Amino acid sequence: MNPIATVKTRLIEAIQETTADLHRFGSMEKHEKQGVPVDDRLKQVPIENVTQLRGFLHGIDTTIVRDADRE
């Protein structure tokens, strides 16, 4: 295995272990998360059910300015 891939695998395992510890101690809610690379770090973003997100942007302006040839 590539040395860089080995380091990434160990890093991901460490993150998962730390997350499991936080769940066990109750200091972190248990949600399914997806790792998203941001610059030089890995950010964990919770995966939400789409039906639970319905209406959370109530009142947002959804009008779109269209080109004249598209009307």
Protein backbone atom coordinates (compact mmCIF):
# COMPACT_ATOMS: atom_id res chain seq x y z
CA MET A 1 0.00 0.00 0.00
CA ASN A 2 1.12 3.55 -0.73
CA PRO A 3 2.66 5.20 2.39
CA ILE A 4 0.39 8.23 2.01
CA ALA A 5 -2.68 5.99 1.75
CA THR A 6 -1.53 4.18 4.91
CA VAL A 7 -1.26 7.48 6.79
CA LYS A 8 -4.72 8.55 5.58
CA THR A 9 -6.19 5.20 6.61
CA ARG A 10 -4.67 5.49 10.08
CA LEU A 11 -5.92 9.07 10.37
CA ILE A 12 -9.46 8.04 9.45
CA GLU A 13 -9.32 5.17 11.95
CA ALA A 14 -8.17 7.60 14.67
CA ILE A 15 -11.00 10.01 13.84
CA GLN A 16 -13.55 7.19 13.99
CA GLU A 17 -12.15 5.98 17.32
CA THR A 18 -12.26 9.48 18.81
CA THR A 19 -15.80 9.98 17.53
CA ALA A 20 -16.87 6.66 19.07
CA ASP A 21 -15.36 7.74 22.41
CA LEU A 22 -17.23 11.06 22.30
CA HIS A 23 -20.49 9.22 21.54
CA ARG A 24 -19.89 6.82 24.41
CA PHE A 25 -19.28 9.67 26.89
CA GLY A 26 -22.35 11.53 25.63
CA SER A 27 -20.51 14.69 24.63
CA MET A 28 -21.42 14.33 20.97
CA GLU A 29 -24.71 13.46 19.32
CA LYS A 30 -24.69 10.32 17.24
CA HIS A 31 -25.35 11.21 13.62
CA GLU A 32 -24.12 9.56 10.49
CA LYS A 33 -21.37 11.77 9.12
CA GLN A 34 -19.51 12.13 5.88
CA GLY A 35 -15.92 13.32 5.69
CA VAL A 36 -15.46 16.29 3.38
CA PRO A 37 -11.93 17.48 2.56
CA VAL A 38 -11.56 21.20 3.25
CA ASP A 39 -8.15 22.69 2.44
CA ASP A 40 -5.69 20.53 4.40
CA ARG A 41 -8.15 18.97 6.85
CA LEU A 42 -11.09 16.61 6.93
CA LYS A 43 -14.38 18.11 8.11
CA GLN A 44 -17.17 15.84 9.32
CA VAL A 45 -20.56 16.92 8.03
CA PRO A 46 -23.72 15.31 9.43
CA ILE A 47 -25.88 13.53 6.88
CA GLU A 48 -29.47 14.63 7.37
CA ASN A 49 -32.63 12.99 6.09
CA VAL A 50 -34.14 15.13 3.32
CA THR A 51 -37.62 14.96 4.83
CA GLN A 52 -36.28 16.40 8.10
CA LEU A 53 -34.78 19.35 6.21
CA ARG A 54 -38.06 20.28 4.54
CA GLY A 55 -39.02 23.85 5.42
CA PHE A 56 -35.81 24.82 7.25
CA LEU A 57 -35.29 27.71 4.80
CA HIS A 58 -38.84 29.04 5.14
CA GLY A 59 -39.18 32.48 3.59
CA ILE A 60 -36.12 32.28 1.31
CA ASP A 61 -36.44 34.17 -1.97
CA THR A 62 -36.33 31.57 -4.75
CA THR A 63 -36.83 33.90 -7.72
CA ILE A 64 -34.23 33.54 -10.45
CA VAL A 65 -33.34 36.24 -12.95
CA ARG A 66 -33.43 34.54 -16.33
CA ASP A 67 -31.93 35.52 -19.64
CA ALA A 68 -34.37 37.18 -22.07
CA ASP A 69 -34.16 34.28 -24.52
CA ARG A 70 -35.31 31.79 -21.83
CA GLU A 71 -38.67 33.34 -21.00
